[in-house]
C-alpha atoms as a PDB file:
ATOM      1  CA  MET A   1      30.314 -47.361 -35.083  1.00  0.00           C
ATOM      2  CA  THR A   2      32.027 -46.572 -31.981  1.00  0.00           C
ATOM      3  CA  GLU A   3      31.027 -48.557 -28.946  1.00  0.00           C
ATOM      4  CA  ARG A   4      30.493 -47.934 -25.357  1.00  0.00           C
ATOM      5  CA  PRO A   5      33.568 -48.505 -23.008  1.00  0.00           C
ATOM      6  CA  ASP A   6      34.117 -52.008 -21.955  1.00  0.00           C
ATOM      7  CA  HIS A   7      35.802 -50.616 -18.786  1.00  0.00           C
ATOM      8  CA  LEU A   8      33.757 -48.064 -16.609  1.00  0.00           C
ATOM      9  CA  PRO A   9      35.330 -47.130 -12.983  1.00  0.00           C
ATOM     10  CA  GLU A  10      32.897 -46.425 -10.300  1.00  0.00           C
ATOM     11  CA  TYR A  11      33.655 -42.662 -10.294  1.00  0.00           C
ATOM     12  CA  LEU A  12      34.270 -39.870 -12.742  1.00  0.00           C
ATOM     13  CA  ALA A  13      37.817 -38.563 -13.205  1.00  0.00           C
ATOM     14  CA  ARG A  14      39.919 -35.836 -14.894  1.00  0.00           C
ATOM     15  CA  LEU A  15      41.633 -36.279 -18.270  1.00  0.00           C
ATOM     16  CA  ALA A  16      44.054 -33.492 -19.009  1.00  0.00           C
ATOM     17  CA  ASP A  17      44.075 -31.938 -22.376  1.00  0.00           C
ATOM     18  CA  GLU A  18      47.335 -33.325 -23.587  1.00  0.00           C
ATOM     19  CA  ASN A  19      46.252 -36.831 -22.571  1.00  0.00           C
ATOM     20  CA  ALA A  20      42.972 -36.536 -23.934  1.00  0.00           C
ATOM     21  CA  ALA A  21      44.646 -35.709 -27.369  1.00  0.00           C
ATOM     22  CA  ARG A  22      46.426 -39.057 -27.401  1.00  0.00           C
ATOM     23  CA  PHE A  23      42.939 -40.898 -27.854  1.00  0.00           C
ATOM     24  CA  ILE A  24      41.386 -38.571 -30.485  1.00  0.00           C
ATOM     25  CA  ALA A  25      42.720 -40.170 -33.868  1.00  0.00           C
ATOM     26  CA  ASP A  26      41.153 -40.464 -37.030  1.00  0.00           C
ATOM     27  CA  GLY A  27      39.563 -43.901 -36.361  1.00  0.00           C
ATOM     28  CA  LEU A  28      37.647 -42.564 -33.547  1.00  0.00           C
ATOM     29  CA  LEU A  29      36.549 -39.558 -35.191  1.00  0.00           C
ATOM     30  CA  SER A  30      35.193 -41.621 -38.313  1.00  0.00           C
ATOM     31  CA  GLY A  31      33.348 -43.849 -35.817  1.00  0.00           C
ATOM     32  CA  LYS A  32      35.178 -46.911 -36.900  1.00  0.00           C
ATOM     33  CA  ASP A  33      37.436 -47.455 -33.767  1.00  0.00           C
ATOM     34  CA  ASN A  34      36.666 -47.637 -29.985  1.00  0.00           C
ATOM     35  CA  VAL A  35      38.505 -45.827 -27.336  1.00  0.00           C
ATOM     36  CA  PRO A  36      41.130 -48.065 -25.285  1.00  0.00           C
ATOM     37  CA  ALA A  37      39.301 -47.876 -21.844  1.00  0.00           C
ATOM     38  CA  ILE A  38      41.880 -49.414 -19.553  1.00  0.00           C
ATOM     39  CA  THR A  39      44.673 -47.589 -21.194  1.00  0.00           C
ATOM     40  CA  LEU A  40      42.591 -44.259 -21.038  1.00  0.00           C
ATOM     41  CA  ASN A  41      41.672 -44.774 -17.420  1.00  0.00           C
ATOM     42  CA  GLN A  42      45.401 -45.062 -16.604  1.00  0.00           C
ATOM     43  CA  ALA A  43      46.181 -41.495 -17.814  1.00  0.00           C
ATOM     44  CA  THR A  44      43.356 -40.015 -15.843  1.00  0.00           C
ATOM     45  CA  GLU A  45      43.559 -38.157 -12.271  1.00  0.00           C
ATOM     46  CA  PRO A  46      41.109 -39.023  -9.593  1.00  0.00           C
ATOM     47  CA  LEU A  47      38.016 -36.843  -8.532  1.00  0.00           C
ATOM     48  CA  PRO A  48      36.832 -37.115  -4.820  1.00  0.00           C
ATOM     49  CA  GLU A  49      34.806 -40.365  -4.578  1.00  0.00           C
ATOM     50  CA  SER A  50      31.436 -38.806  -3.584  1.00  0.00           C
ATOM     51  CA  PRO A  51      28.008 -40.145  -4.534  1.00  0.00           C
ATOM     52  CA  ARG A  52      27.713 -37.137  -6.811  1.00  0.00           C
ATOM     53  CA  MET A  53      30.753 -38.227  -8.931  1.00  0.00           C
ATOM     54  CA  ARG A  54      29.500 -41.628  -9.566  1.00  0.00           C
ATOM     55  CA  LEU A  55      29.894 -42.539 -13.204  1.00  0.00           C
ATOM     56  CA  ARG A  56      27.222 -45.070 -13.381  1.00  0.00           C
ATOM     57  CA  ALA A  57      24.159 -42.420 -12.798  1.00  0.00           C
ATOM     58  CA  VAL A  58      25.771 -40.431 -15.969  1.00  0.00           C
ATOM     59  CA  ARG A  59      26.043 -43.426 -18.144  1.00  0.00           C
ATOM     60  CA  ASP A  60      22.690 -44.527 -17.464  1.00  0.00           C
ATOM     61  CA  LEU A  61      21.322 -41.142 -18.433  1.00  0.00           C
ATOM     62  CA  ILE A  62      23.215 -41.219 -21.455  1.00  0.00           C
ATOM     63  CA  ASP A  63      21.846 -44.800 -22.460  1.00  0.00           C
ATOM     64  CA  ASP A  64      18.424 -43.834 -21.957  1.00  0.00           C
ATOM     65  CA  ALA A  65      18.946 -40.618 -24.095  1.00  0.00           C
ATOM     66  CA  MET A  66      20.081 -42.678 -27.018  1.00  0.00           C
ATOM     67  CA  TYR A  67      17.550 -45.123 -26.516  1.00  0.00           C
ATOM     68  CA  THR A  68      14.616 -42.725 -26.180  1.00  0.00           C
ATOM     69  CA  TYR A  69      15.909 -40.907 -29.531  1.00  0.00           C
ATOM     70  CA  ARG A  70      17.198 -44.013 -31.452  1.00  0.00           C
ATOM     71  CA  ASP A  71      14.560 -43.309 -34.213  1.00  0.00           C
ATOM     72  CA  ASP A  72      14.761 -39.572 -34.277  1.00  0.00           C
ATOM     73  CA  ARG A  73      17.328 -37.109 -35.310  1.00  0.00           C
ATOM     74  CA  PRO A  74      20.020 -37.216 -32.699  1.00  0.00           C
ATOM     75  CA  THR A  75      19.722 -33.543 -32.288  1.00  0.00           C
ATOM     76  CA  GLN A  76      16.523 -33.988 -30.511  1.00  0.00           C
ATOM     77  CA  ALA A  77      18.330 -35.593 -27.558  1.00  0.00           C
ATOM     78  CA  ASP A  78      19.955 -32.388 -26.425  1.00  0.00           C
ATOM     79  CA  ALA A  79      16.547 -30.774 -25.075  1.00  0.00           C
ATOM     80  CA  TRP A  80      16.060 -33.889 -22.989  1.00  0.00           C
ATOM     81  CA  LEU A  81      19.501 -34.631 -21.914  1.00  0.00           C
ATOM     82  CA  ALA A  82      20.755 -31.082 -20.897  1.00  0.00           C
ATOM     83  CA  PRO A  83      18.480 -30.626 -17.775  1.00  0.00           C
ATOM     84  CA  ARG A  84      18.803 -34.099 -16.691  1.00  0.00           C
ATOM     85  CA  LEU A  85      22.468 -34.274 -17.037  1.00  0.00           C
ATOM     86  CA  HIS A  86      22.822 -30.784 -14.981  1.00  0.00           C
ATOM     87  CA  ALA A  87      20.504 -32.230 -12.308  1.00  0.00           C
ATOM     88  CA  ILE A  88      22.471 -35.523 -11.931  1.00  0.00           C
ATOM     89  CA  LEU A  89      25.822 -34.185 -12.120  1.00  0.00           C
ATOM     90  CA  ARG A  90      25.575 -31.292  -9.583  1.00  0.00           C
ATOM     91  CA  LEU A  91      28.551 -29.079 -10.164  1.00  0.00           C
ATOM     92  CA  THR A  92      29.658 -25.830  -8.892  1.00  0.00           C
ATOM     93  CA  ARG A  93      30.524 -23.410 -11.771  1.00  0.00           C
ATOM     94  CA  GLU A  94      34.146 -23.606 -10.740  1.00  0.00           C
ATOM     95  CA  GLU A  95      33.756 -27.465 -11.084  1.00  0.00           C
ATOM     96  CA  ALA A  96      32.052 -27.105 -14.436  1.00  0.00           C
ATOM     97  CA  ALA A  97      34.760 -24.992 -15.711  1.00  0.00           C
ATOM     98  CA  ASP A  98      37.237 -27.845 -15.622  1.00  0.00           C
ATOM     99  CA  ALA A  99      37.707 -28.966 -19.125  1.00  0.00           C
ATOM    100  CA  ALA A 100      39.455 -32.000 -17.953  1.00  0.00           C
ATOM    101  CA  LEU A 101      36.079 -33.434 -16.425  1.00  0.00           C
ATOM    102  CA  TRP A 102      34.550 -33.172 -19.891  1.00  0.00           C
ATOM    103  CA  ASN A 103      37.191 -34.606 -21.514  1.00  0.00           C
ATOM    104  CA  TYR A 104      36.721 -37.814 -19.426  1.00  0.00           C
ATOM    105  CA  VAL A 105      32.914 -37.786 -19.737  1.00  0.00           C
ATOM    106  CA  ALA A 106      33.298 -37.801 -23.792  1.00  0.00           C
ATOM    107  CA  LEU A 107      36.543 -40.097 -24.036  1.00  0.00           C
ATOM    108  CA  GLY A 108      36.025 -42.238 -20.949  1.00  0.00           C
ATOM    109  CA  VAL A 109      32.472 -42.432 -20.244  1.00  0.00           C
ATOM    110  CA  ALA A 110      30.493 -42.184 -23.626  1.00  0.00           C
ATOM    111  CA  PRO A 111      32.405 -41.694 -26.710  1.00  0.00           C
ATOM    112  CA  ASP A 112      29.598 -43.726 -28.449  1.00  0.00           C
ATOM    113  CA  PHE A 113      27.364 -40.904 -27.669  1.00  0.00           C
ATOM    114  CA  VAL A 114      29.563 -38.200 -29.208  1.00  0.00           C
ATOM    115  CA  VAL A 115      29.871 -40.051 -32.349  1.00  0.00           C
ATOM    116  CA  TRP A 116      26.072 -40.994 -32.317  1.00  0.00           C
ATOM    117  CA  ARG A 117      25.129 -37.276 -31.739  1.00  0.00           C
ATOM    118  CA  HIS A 118      27.792 -35.389 -33.619  1.00  0.00           C
ATOM    119  CA  PHE A 119      28.669 -37.440 -36.525  1.00  0.00           C
ATOM    120  CA  SER A 120      28.389 -35.624 -39.906  1.00  0.00           C
ATOM    121  CA  GLU A 121      27.148 -37.583 -42.586  1.00  0.00           C
ATOM    122  CA  ASN A 122      28.652 -35.099 -45.268  1.00  0.00           C
ATOM    123  CA  LYS A 123      32.273 -35.352 -43.764  1.00  0.00           C
ATOM    124  CA  LYS A 124      31.738 -38.873 -42.339  1.00  0.00           C
ATOM    125  CA  SER A 125      33.590 -37.628 -39.323  1.00  0.00           C
ATOM    126  CA  VAL A 126      33.112 -36.122 -36.061  1.00  0.00           C
ATOM    127  CA  ASN A 127      34.813 -32.657 -35.161  1.00  0.00           C
ATOM    128  CA  ALA A 128      37.302 -33.244 -32.610  1.00  0.00           C
ATOM    129  CA  ARG A 129      36.141 -30.322 -30.672  1.00  0.00           C
ATOM    130  CA  TYR A 130      33.104 -32.311 -29.429  1.00  0.00           C
ATOM    131  CA  PHE A 131      35.445 -34.679 -27.605  1.00  0.00           C
ATOM    132  CA  LYS A 132      37.905 -31.774 -26.423  1.00  0.00           C
ATOM    133  CA  GLY A 133      36.762 -28.217 -26.878  1.00  0.00           C
ATOM    134  CA  PRO A 134      35.430 -25.125 -25.509  1.00  0.00           C
ATOM    135  CA  HIS A 135      32.329 -24.949 -23.102  1.00  0.00           C
ATOM    136  CA  HIS A 136      30.118 -23.876 -25.913  1.00  0.00           C
ATOM    137  CA  LYS A 137      31.271 -26.681 -28.289  1.00  0.00           C
ATOM    138  CA  GLN A 138      32.226 -29.774 -26.091  1.00  0.00           C
ATOM    139  CA  ALA A 139      29.473 -32.312 -26.369  1.00  0.00           C
ATOM    140  CA  PHE A 140      28.743 -32.605 -22.616  1.00  0.00           C
ATOM    141  CA  ALA A 141      29.957 -29.155 -21.476  1.00  0.00           C
ATOM    142  CA  ARG A 142      27.834 -27.499 -23.883  1.00  0.00           C
ATOM    143  CA  LEU A 143      24.541 -29.357 -22.477  1.00  0.00           C
ATOM    144  CA  TRP A 144      25.345 -28.741 -18.776  1.00  0.00           C
ATOM    145  CA  TRP A 145      26.158 -25.167 -19.387  1.00  0.00           C
ATOM    146  CA  SER A 146      23.231 -24.826 -21.230  1.00  0.00           C
ATOM    147  CA  ALA A 147      21.099 -26.007 -18.363  1.00  0.00           C
ATOM    148  CA  GLU A 148      23.041 -23.731 -15.946  1.00  0.00           C
ATOM    149  CA  LEU A 149      22.456 -20.611 -18.013  1.00  0.00           C
ATOM    150  CA  PHE A 150      18.878 -20.947 -19.292  1.00  0.00           C
ATOM    151  CA  ARG A 151      17.338 -22.642 -16.333  1.00  0.00           C
ATOM    152  CA  ASN A 152      15.095 -20.006 -14.415  1.00  0.00           C
ATOM    153  CA  GLY A 153      15.748 -20.907 -10.606  1.00  0.00           C
ATOM    154  CA  SER A 154      14.854 -24.376 -10.154  1.00  0.00           C
ATOM    155  CA  ASP A 155      12.671 -24.367 -13.473  1.00  0.00           C
ATOM    156  CA  TYR A 156      14.326 -26.215 -16.363  1.00  0.00           C
ATOM    157  CA  ALA A 157      11.648 -25.397 -18.893  1.00  0.00           C
ATOM    158  CA  PRO A 158      13.301 -22.567 -20.439  1.00  0.00           C
ATOM    159  CA  VAL A 159      16.241 -25.107 -21.030  1.00  0.00           C
ATOM    160  CA  VAL A 160      14.017 -27.520 -22.897  1.00  0.00           C
ATOM    161  CA  ALA A 161      13.042 -24.357 -25.234  1.00  0.00           C
ATOM    162  CA  ALA A 162      16.454 -23.069 -25.558  1.00  0.00           C
ATOM    163  CA  CYS A 163      18.074 -26.376 -26.548  1.00  0.00           C
ATOM    164  CA  GLY A 164      15.408 -27.097 -29.115  1.00  0.00           C
ATOM    165  CA  ASN A 165      16.948 -24.608 -31.188  1.00  0.00           C
ATOM    166  CA  GLN A 166      20.621 -25.464 -32.011  1.00  0.00           C
ATOM    167  CA  ASP A 167      21.823 -21.914 -33.021  1.00  0.00           C
ATOM    168  CA  MET A 168      20.781 -21.109 -29.189  1.00  0.00           C
ATOM    169  CA  LEU A 169      23.588 -23.418 -28.329  1.00  0.00           C
ATOM    170  CA  ASN A 170      26.003 -22.972 -31.256  1.00  0.00           C
ATOM    171  CA  THR A 171      25.849 -19.054 -31.064  1.00  0.00           C
ATOM    172  CA  VAL A 172      24.128 -17.565 -27.962  1.00  0.00           C
ATOM    173  CA  LEU A 173      25.882 -19.890 -25.605  1.00  0.00           C
ATOM    174  CA  ARG A 174      29.169 -18.585 -26.358  1.00  0.00           C
ATOM    175  CA  LEU A 175      28.051 -14.855 -25.637  1.00  0.00           C
ATOM    176  CA  ASP A 176      29.379 -13.159 -22.249  1.00  0.00           C
ATOM    177  CA  VAL A 177      25.755 -11.604 -22.032  1.00  0.00           C
ATOM    178  CA  ILE A 178      24.124 -14.970 -21.534  1.00  0.00           C
ATOM    179  CA  ASP A 179      25.432 -15.013 -17.926  1.00  0.00           C
ATOM    180  CA  HIS A 180      22.812 -12.263 -17.072  1.00  0.00           C
ATOM    181  CA  ARG A 181      19.626 -14.248 -16.199  1.00  0.00           C
ATOM    182  CA  PRO A 182      16.881 -11.801 -17.339  1.00  0.00           C
ATOM    183  CA  THR A 183      18.738 -11.624 -20.813  1.00  0.00           C
ATOM    184  CA  ALA A 184      18.925 -15.242 -21.071  1.00  0.00           C
ATOM    185  CA  GLN A 185      15.094 -15.822 -20.136  1.00  0.00           C
ATOM    186  CA  ALA A 186      14.137 -12.898 -22.540  1.00  0.00           C
ATOM    187  CA  LEU A 187      15.983 -14.760 -25.528  1.00  0.00           C
ATOM    188  CA  VAL A 188      13.977 -17.832 -24.522  1.00  0.00           C
ATOM    189  CA  ARG A 189      10.640 -16.114 -24.202  1.00  0.00           C
ATOM    190  CA  MET A 190      11.458 -14.968 -27.948  1.00  0.00           C
ATOM    191  CA  LEU A 191      11.537 -18.542 -28.896  1.00  0.00           C
ATOM    192  CA  ARG A 192       8.615 -19.452 -26.673  1.00  0.00           C
ATOM    193  CA  ARG A 193       6.264 -16.633 -28.286  1.00  0.00           C
ATOM    194  CA  ASP A 194       7.234 -17.583 -31.941  1.00  0.00           C
ATOM    195  CA  VAL A 195       8.800 -14.380 -32.340  1.00  0.00           C
ATOM    196  CA  VAL A 196      12.010 -16.240 -33.340  1.00  0.00           C
ATOM    197  CA  ARG A 197      11.409 -19.638 -35.001  1.00  0.00           C
ATOM    198  CA  THR A 198      14.590 -20.720 -37.304  1.00  0.00           C
ATOM    199  CA  GLY A 199      18.164 -21.290 -36.269  1.00  0.00           C
ATOM    200  CA  ARG A 200      19.250 -18.467 -38.544  1.00  0.00           C
ATOM    201  CA  GLU A 201      16.725 -16.349 -36.963  1.00  0.00           C
ATOM    202  CA  ALA A 202      18.076 -17.291 -33.431  1.00  0.00           C
ATOM    203  CA  ASN A 203      21.819 -16.583 -34.803  1.00  0.00           C
ATOM    204  CA  ALA A 204      20.851 -13.124 -36.075  1.00  0.00           C
ATOM    205  CA  LEU A 205      19.057 -12.283 -32.544  1.00  0.00           C
ATOM    206  CA  GLY A 206      22.222 -13.481 -30.584  1.00  0.00           C
ATOM    207  CA  LYS A 207      24.338 -11.227 -32.573  1.00  0.00           C
ATOM    208  CA  ALA A 208      21.939  -8.346 -32.303  1.00  0.00           C
ATOM    209  CA  VAL A 209      21.792  -8.660 -28.535  1.00  0.00           C
ATOM    210  CA  ASN A 210      25.453  -9.172 -28.058  1.00  0.00           C
ATOM    211  CA  ALA A 211      26.310  -6.076 -30.227  1.00  0.00           C
ATOM    212  CA  ALA A 212      23.719  -3.975 -28.284  1.00  0.00           C
ATOM    213  CA  ALA A 213      25.237  -4.776 -24.950  1.00  0.00           C
ATOM    214  CA  ALA A 214      28.316  -2.660 -26.103  1.00  0.00           C
ATOM    215  CA  THR A 215      26.266   0.416 -25.186  1.00  0.00           C
ATOM    216  CA  LEU A 216      23.169  -0.796 -23.283  1.00  0.00           C
ATOM    217  CA  MET A 217      23.780  -2.061 -19.712  1.00  0.00           C
ATOM    218  CA  TYR A 218      21.296  -4.941 -19.531  1.00  0.00           C
ATOM    219  CA  ASP A 219      22.015  -5.556 -15.831  1.00  0.00           C
ATOM    220  CA  VAL A 220      21.128  -1.647 -15.199  1.00  0.00           C
ATOM    221  CA  ILE A 221      18.142  -1.738 -17.440  1.00  0.00           C
ATOM    222  CA  ALA A 222      16.841  -5.035 -15.977  1.00  0.00           C
ATOM    223  CA  PRO A 223      18.348  -5.924 -12.707  1.00  0.00           C
ATOM    224  CA  ASP A 224      18.535  -9.423 -11.560  1.00  0.00           C
ATOM    225  CA  ALA A 225      17.556 -10.770  -8.107  1.00  0.00           C
ATOM    226  CA  GLU A 226      20.473 -11.431  -5.646  1.00  0.00           C
ATOM    227  CA  ARG A 227      21.497 -14.918  -6.031  1.00  0.00           C
ATOM    228  CA  ASP A 228      21.244 -17.696  -3.202  1.00  0.00           C
ATOM    229  CA  ALA A 229      24.465 -19.414  -2.959  1.00  0.00           C
ATOM    230  CA  GLY A 230      23.039 -21.458  -0.029  1.00  0.00           C
ATOM    231  CA  ALA A 231      20.411 -22.805  -2.141  1.00  0.00           C
ATOM    232  CA  LEU A 232      23.149 -24.312  -4.659  1.00  0.00           C
ATOM    233  CA  ARG A 233      24.980 -25.845  -1.758  1.00  0.00           C
ATOM    234  CA  ARG A 234      21.917 -27.388  -0.460  1.00  0.00           C
ATOM    235  CA  TRP A 235      21.180 -28.831  -3.984  1.00  0.00           C
ATOM    236  CA  ILE A 236      24.732 -30.143  -4.141  1.00  0.00           C
ATOM    237  CA  ASP A 237      24.610 -31.638  -0.649  1.00  0.00           C
ATOM    238  CA  GLU A 238      21.569 -33.732  -1.781  1.00  0.00           C
ATOM    239  CA  ALA A 239      23.615 -35.419  -4.375  1.00  0.00           C
ATOM    240  CA  GLU A 240      26.314 -35.846  -1.791  1.00  0.00           C
ATOM    241  CA  GLU A 241      23.826 -37.762   0.384  1.00  0.00           C
ATOM    242  CA  GLY A 242      23.099 -40.134  -2.627  1.00  0.00           C
ATOM    243  CA  HIS A 243      19.895 -38.335  -3.750  1.00  0.00           C
ATOM    244  CA  SER A 244      18.778 -39.970  -7.063  1.00  0.00           C
ATOM    245  CA  VAL A 245      17.183 -38.215 -10.077  1.00  0.00           C
ATOM    246  CA  HIS A 246      14.429 -39.838 -12.070  1.00  0.00           C
ATOM    247  CA  HIS A 247      14.789 -39.534 -16.012  1.00  0.00           C
ATOM    248  CA  ARG A 248      11.411 -39.297 -16.845  1.00  0.00           C
ATOM    249  CA  PRO A 249       9.650 -36.297 -15.301  1.00  0.00           C
ATOM    250  CA  LEU A 250      11.696 -32.932 -15.840  1.00  0.00           C
ATOM    251  CA  PRO A 251      13.805 -32.483 -12.630  1.00  0.00           C
ATOM    252  CA  LEU A 252      14.108 -29.314 -10.437  1.00  0.00           C
ATOM    253  CA  GLY A 253      17.164 -27.406 -10.048  1.00  0.00           C
ATOM    254  CA  PRO A 254      18.340 -25.434  -7.053  1.00  0.00           C
ATOM    255  CA  THR A 255      15.566 -23.701  -5.317  1.00  0.00           C
ATOM    256  CA  GLU A 256      16.743 -20.117  -6.364  1.00  0.00           C
ATOM    257  CA  GLU A 257      14.490 -17.207  -6.731  1.00  0.00           C
ATOM    258  CA  PRO A 258      13.707 -16.882 -10.647  1.00  0.00           C
ATOM    259  CA  ALA A 259      14.876 -13.765 -12.454  1.00  0.00           C
ATOM    260  CA  PRO A 260      12.456 -10.836 -11.817  1.00  0.00           C
ATOM    261  CA  GLU A 261       9.593 -11.015 -14.235  1.00  0.00           C
ATOM    262  CA  GLU A 262       9.463  -7.203 -14.752  1.00  0.00           C
ATOM    263  CA  SER A 263      13.282  -7.408 -15.761  1.00  0.00           C
ATOM    264  CA  VAL A 264      12.641 -10.388 -18.156  1.00  0.00           C
ATOM    265  CA  GLU A 265       9.539  -8.553 -19.767  1.00  0.00           C
ATOM    266  CA  ARG A 266      11.619  -5.414 -20.137  1.00  0.00           C
ATOM    267  CA  LEU A 267      14.156  -6.983 -22.125  1.00  0.00           C
ATOM    268  CA  THR A 268      11.931  -9.118 -24.088  1.00  0.00           C
ATOM    269  CA  ALA A 269      10.349  -5.913 -25.438  1.00  0.00           C
ATOM    270  CA  LEU A 270      13.651  -4.353 -26.029  1.00  0.00           C
ATOM    271  CA  PHE A 271      14.978  -7.548 -27.994  1.00  0.00           C
ATOM    272  CA  VAL A 272      11.863  -7.719 -30.166  1.00  0.00           C
ATOM    273  CA  ASP A 273      12.838  -4.342 -31.519  1.00  0.00           C
ATOM    274  CA  LEU A 274      16.477  -5.318 -31.876  1.00  0.00           C
ATOM    275  CA  PHE A 275      15.426  -8.503 -33.808  1.00  0.00           C
ATOM    276  CA  ALA A 276      13.287  -6.163 -36.124  1.00  0.00           C
ATOM    277  CA  ASP A 277      16.279  -4.518 -37.515  1.00  0.00           C
ATOM    278  CA  ALA A 278      18.574  -7.700 -37.445  1.00  0.00           C
ATOM    279  CA  ARG A 279      19.919  -8.982 -40.538  1.00  0.00           C
ATOM    280  CA  VAL A 280      18.836 -12.663 -40.967  1.00  0.00           C
ATOM    281  CA  ARG A 281      20.844 -14.721 -43.365  1.00  0.00           C
ATOM    282  CA  GLY A 282      18.622 -15.607 -46.165  1.00  0.00           C
ATOM    283  CA  LYS A 283      16.053 -13.438 -45.383  1.00  0.00           C
ATOM    284  CA  GLU A 284      16.639 -10.684 -47.866  1.00  0.00           C
ATOM    285  CA  GLU A 285      16.869 -13.342 -50.632  1.00  0.00           C
ATOM    286  CA  ASP A 286      13.454 -14.815 -49.558  1.00  0.00           C
ATOM    287  CA  THR A 287      11.898 -11.144 -49.751  1.00  0.00           C
ATOM    288  CA  GLU A 288      13.182 -10.621 -53.210  1.00  0.00           C
ATOM    289  CA  GLU A 289      11.807 -13.721 -54.402  1.00  0.00           C
ATOM    290  CA  GLU A 290       8.457 -12.656 -53.277  1.00  0.00           C
END
């Protein structure tokens, strides 16, 4: 299978889409070839050389995830890796929206992880969009953004719950409504209370919540607290100063105020009602068989 790059620079970099596409060939997607690391790094654009952009911290975390879940299904690594990747790679949302950064992490830092995590035994290949794709699909962007959107202030526990259900990532992460924190926390609460258990149910819930948003203004029904930009800046500054993150305990995110409990509970009750009427694929067939 694809191996860890044999050349790893000190800092992360940007790899533009057109350059990234040159390295995504059938041999890589089938897990048979390695990425020519030196050639790839010659095609990159540098990022500021700061402690928070050190490549080694990201690579060490990925190695730890692959080792920890070596005997399990690779999908189980998502819930462990997402909050820790977010805590180690401390970015503003503007920085995290740069697809060229994630192209580089996937191809220049950890192509072996992408193959290990996303290889399809049925197709004997990896979908190229896990290397270069939208934020809800790309192997590392999807994890970072999951942690950013599902964390509740400094608490990453909701991220672990969300990433434990693949359809919360595959369907819900791409919805605009997820940027409203009480909405995100209400969806996670549905999982944690076992109202929603399966991937199909999470998929149906996400679609129902998104459809209802066309007529219901969630931010009016359930207002969020004002965000503290200073908390994020202080959190990023800690990384600039060389602050390290331990892998084993669940880390802490920016010390922002959590989503208002009243708002989260109000939306949770609403979503329970929406889910009761949602069409879950396969549910009708199961009911008929009974």
